[in-house]
C-alpha atoms as a PDB file:
ATOM      1  CA  MET A   1    -144.508   9.661 -31.333  1.00  0.00           C
ATOM      2  CA  ASN A   2    -143.123   8.899 -27.891  1.00  0.00           C
ATOM      3  CA  ARG A   3    -141.062  11.138 -25.683  1.00  0.00           C
ATOM      4  CA  ASN A   4    -137.635   9.812 -26.819  1.00  0.00           C
ATOM      5  CA  GLU A   5    -138.404  10.286 -30.488  1.00  0.00           C
ATOM      6  CA  PHE A   6    -139.626  13.811 -29.773  1.00  0.00           C
ATOM      7  CA  VAL A   7    -136.387  14.674 -27.924  1.00  0.00           C
ATOM      8  CA  ILE A   8    -134.249  13.243 -30.765  1.00  0.00           C
ATOM      9  CA  VAL A   9    -136.190  15.101 -33.488  1.00  0.00           C
ATOM     10  CA  THR A  10    -136.021  18.330 -31.447  1.00  0.00           C
ATOM     11  CA  ALA A  11    -132.255  17.882 -30.955  1.00  0.00           C
ATOM     12  CA  ILE A  12    -131.761  17.310 -34.680  1.00  0.00           C
ATOM     13  CA  VAL A  13    -133.846  20.405 -35.572  1.00  0.00           C
ATOM     14  CA  LEU A  14    -131.922  22.530 -33.066  1.00  0.00           C
ATOM     15  CA  MET A  15    -128.594  21.230 -34.377  1.00  0.00           C
ATOM     16  CA  LEU A  16    -129.630  21.991 -37.987  1.00  0.00           C
ATOM     17  CA  SER A  17    -130.787  25.486 -36.960  1.00  0.00           C
ATOM     18  CA  PHE A  18    -127.493  26.119 -35.174  1.00  0.00           C
ATOM     19  CA  THR A  19    -125.507  24.853 -38.185  1.00  0.00           C
ATOM     20  CA  LEU A  20    -127.489  26.984 -40.650  1.00  0.00           C
ATOM     21  CA  GLY A  21    -127.125  30.053 -38.398  1.00  0.00           C
ATOM     22  CA  TRP A  22    -123.386  29.498 -38.023  1.00  0.00           C
ATOM     23  CA  PHE A  23    -122.991  29.010 -41.790  1.00  0.00           C
ATOM     24  CA  ALA A  24    -125.034  32.178 -42.519  1.00  0.00           C
ATOM     25  CA  HIS A  25    -122.913  34.127 -40.014  1.00  0.00           C
ATOM     26  CA  ARG A  26    -119.683  32.947 -41.683  1.00  0.00           C
ATOM     27  CA  VAL A  27    -120.994  33.878 -45.136  1.00  0.00           C
ATOM     28  CA  ILE A  28    -122.046  37.359 -43.984  1.00  0.00           C
ATOM     29  CA  GLN A  29    -118.742  37.864 -42.169  1.00  0.00           C
ATOM     30  CA  ARG A  30    -116.775  36.861 -45.262  1.00  0.00           C
ATOM     31  CA  LEU A  31    -118.855  39.183 -47.461  1.00  0.00           C
ATOM     32  CA  ARG A  32    -118.281  42.085 -45.094  1.00  0.00           C
ATOM     33  CA  ARG A  33    -114.555  41.458 -44.958  1.00  0.00           C
ATOM     34  CA  SER A  34    -114.223  41.219 -48.738  1.00  0.00           C
ATOM     35  CA  SER A  35    -116.428  44.277 -49.260  1.00  0.00           C
ATOM     36  CA  GLY A  36    -114.169  46.240 -46.895  1.00  0.00           C
ATOM     37  CA  ALA A  37    -111.165  45.358 -49.004  1.00  0.00           C
ATOM     38  CA  ASP A  38    -113.202  46.114 -52.094  1.00  0.00           C
ATOM     39  CA  MET A  39    -114.128  49.523 -50.686  1.00  0.00           C
ATOM     40  CA  GLY A  40    -110.453  50.422 -50.380  1.00  0.00           C
ATOM     41  CA  GLU A  41    -109.901  49.318 -53.955  1.00  0.00           C
ATOM     42  CA  LEU A  42    -112.986  51.224 -55.097  1.00  0.00           C
ATOM     43  CA  GLU A  43    -111.757  54.340 -53.288  1.00  0.00           C
ATOM     44  CA  ARG A  44    -108.388  54.060 -55.021  1.00  0.00           C
ATOM     45  CA  LEU A  45    -110.055  53.536 -58.393  1.00  0.00           C
ATOM     46  CA  ALA A  46    -112.371  56.502 -57.801  1.00  0.00           C
ATOM     47  CA  GLN A  47    -109.365  58.710 -57.008  1.00  0.00           C
ATOM     48  CA  ALA A  48    -107.547  57.513 -60.142  1.00  0.00           C
ATOM     49  CA  LEU A  49    -110.673  58.150 -62.224  1.00  0.00           C
ATOM     50  CA  HIS A  50    -110.993  61.653 -60.778  1.00  0.00           C
ATOM     51  CA  GLU A  51    -107.358  62.429 -61.620  1.00  0.00           C
ATOM     52  CA  ALA A  52    -107.815  61.036 -65.141  1.00  0.00           C
ATOM     53  CA  GLU A  53    -110.881  63.233 -65.664  1.00  0.00           C
ATOM     54  CA  GLU A  54    -108.959  66.310 -64.499  1.00  0.00           C
ATOM     55  CA  THR A  55    -106.107  65.454 -66.870  1.00  0.00           C
ATOM     56  CA  ARG A  56    -108.587  64.970 -69.712  1.00  0.00           C
ATOM     57  CA  ASP A  57    -110.221  68.335 -68.968  1.00  0.00           C
ATOM     58  CA  GLN A  58    -106.825  70.055 -68.977  1.00  0.00           C
ATOM     59  CA  ALA A  59    -105.931  68.351 -72.256  1.00  0.00           C
ATOM     60  CA  LEU A  60    -109.211  69.481 -73.827  1.00  0.00           C
ATOM     61  CA  ILE A  61    -108.587  73.062 -72.717  1.00  0.00           C
ATOM     62  CA  TYR A  62    -105.056  72.938 -74.142  1.00  0.00           C
ATOM     63  CA  ILE A  63    -106.345  71.509 -77.429  1.00  0.00           C
ATOM     64  CA  GLU A  64    -109.002  74.226 -77.704  1.00  0.00           C
ATOM     65  CA  GLN A  65    -106.436  76.947 -77.044  1.00  0.00           C
ATOM     66  CA  ARG A  66    -103.980  75.454 -79.532  1.00  0.00           C
ATOM     67  CA  GLU A  67    -106.733  75.107 -82.127  1.00  0.00           C
ATOM     68  CA  ALA A  68    -107.679  78.782 -81.679  1.00  0.00           C
ATOM     69  CA  GLU A  69    -104.013  79.792 -82.068  1.00  0.00           C
ATOM     70  CA  LEU A  70    -103.698  77.721 -85.246  1.00  0.00           C
ATOM     71  CA  HIS A  71    -106.883  79.231 -86.686  1.00  0.00           C
ATOM     72  CA  ASN A  72    -105.504  82.686 -86.005  1.00  0.00           C
ATOM     73  CA  GLN A  73    -102.203  81.782 -87.664  1.00  0.00           C
ATOM     74  CA  ILE A  74    -104.045  80.389 -90.686  1.00  0.00           C
ATOM     75  CA  ALA A  75    -106.144  83.544 -90.972  1.00  0.00           C
ATOM     76  CA  GLN A  76    -103.048  85.736 -90.647  1.00  0.00           C
ATOM     77  CA  THR A  77    -101.125  83.679 -93.208  1.00  0.00           C
ATOM     78  CA  GLY A  78    -104.085  83.843 -95.583  1.00  0.00           C
ATOM     79  CA  ALA A  79    -104.218  87.634 -95.233  1.00  0.00           C
ATOM     80  CA  GLU A  80    -100.473  87.868 -95.866  1.00  0.00           C
ATOM     81  CA  LEU A  81    -100.822  85.620 -98.924  1.00  0.00           C
ATOM     82  CA  ARG A  82    -103.642  87.743-100.338  1.00  0.00           C
ATOM     83  CA  ALA A  83    -101.557  90.898 -99.777  1.00  0.00           C
ATOM     84  CA  ALA A  84     -98.532  89.296-101.449  1.00  0.00           C
ATOM     85  CA  MET A  85    -100.617  88.128-104.408  1.00  0.00           C
ATOM     86  CA  GLU A  86    -102.101  91.611-104.799  1.00  0.00           C
ATOM     87  CA  GLY A  87     -98.614  93.138-104.649  1.00  0.00           C
ATOM     88  CA  LEU A  88     -97.392  90.635-107.239  1.00  0.00           C
ATOM     89  CA  ARG A  89    -100.342  91.434-109.483  1.00  0.00           C
ATOM     90  CA  ASP A  90     -99.588  95.164-109.200  1.00  0.00           C
ATOM     91  CA  ALA A  91     -95.892  94.533-109.920  1.00  0.00           C
ATOM     92  CA  ARG A  92     -96.753  92.457-112.995  1.00  0.00           C
ATOM     93  CA  HIS A  93     -99.123  95.135-114.229  1.00  0.00           C
ATOM     94  CA  GLU A  94     -96.455  97.778-113.690  1.00  0.00           C
ATOM     95  CA  ALA A  95     -93.862  95.609-115.458  1.00  0.00           C
ATOM     96  CA  GLU A  96     -96.208  95.221-118.441  1.00  0.00           C
ATOM     97  CA  GLU A  97     -96.711  98.978-118.542  1.00  0.00           C
ATOM     98  CA  MET A  98     -92.925  99.491-118.447  1.00  0.00           C
ATOM     99  CA  ARG A  99     -92.406  96.975-121.286  1.00  0.00           C
ATOM    100  CA  ALA A 100     -95.067  98.668-123.359  1.00  0.00           C
ATOM    101  CA  TYR A 101     -93.481 102.048-122.659  1.00  0.00           C
ATOM    102  CA  ILE A 102     -89.995 100.777-123.583  1.00  0.00           C
ATOM    103  CA  GLU A 103     -91.325  99.188-126.762  1.00  0.00           C
ATOM    104  CA  ARG A 104     -93.012 102.459-127.701  1.00  0.00           C
ATOM    105  CA  MET A 105     -89.766 104.369-127.053  1.00  0.00           C
ATOM    106  CA  HIS A 106     -87.795 101.956-129.242  1.00  0.00           C
ATOM    107  CA  ALA A 107     -90.417 102.173-131.978  1.00  0.00           C
ATOM    108  CA  GLU A 108     -90.320 105.981-131.966  1.00  0.00           C
ATOM    109  CA  GLY A 109     -86.611 106.279-131.586  1.00  0.00           C
END
């Protein structure tokens, strides 16, 4: 290999190295720029997710409170129903006693 060929090969290698370096720089620069925009979008999404989680937590608390209130109402209504049924049973028993008493009075009289 003579001196001219060596200079040409060296020039080609240097030009390829420069081109590859420039291309790598452009790719890295583009990735950084897009990741910066993506970071803003990710920050916005993270904030929206945080707000959605807070809303969900508040909804769960509300549901638990409402469920406890409904259970209390059901228990209270059940107690009132049992009391009403017991009162009705007593009234029926008393009515039967009154009928029997009236029938005995008519039979004697």
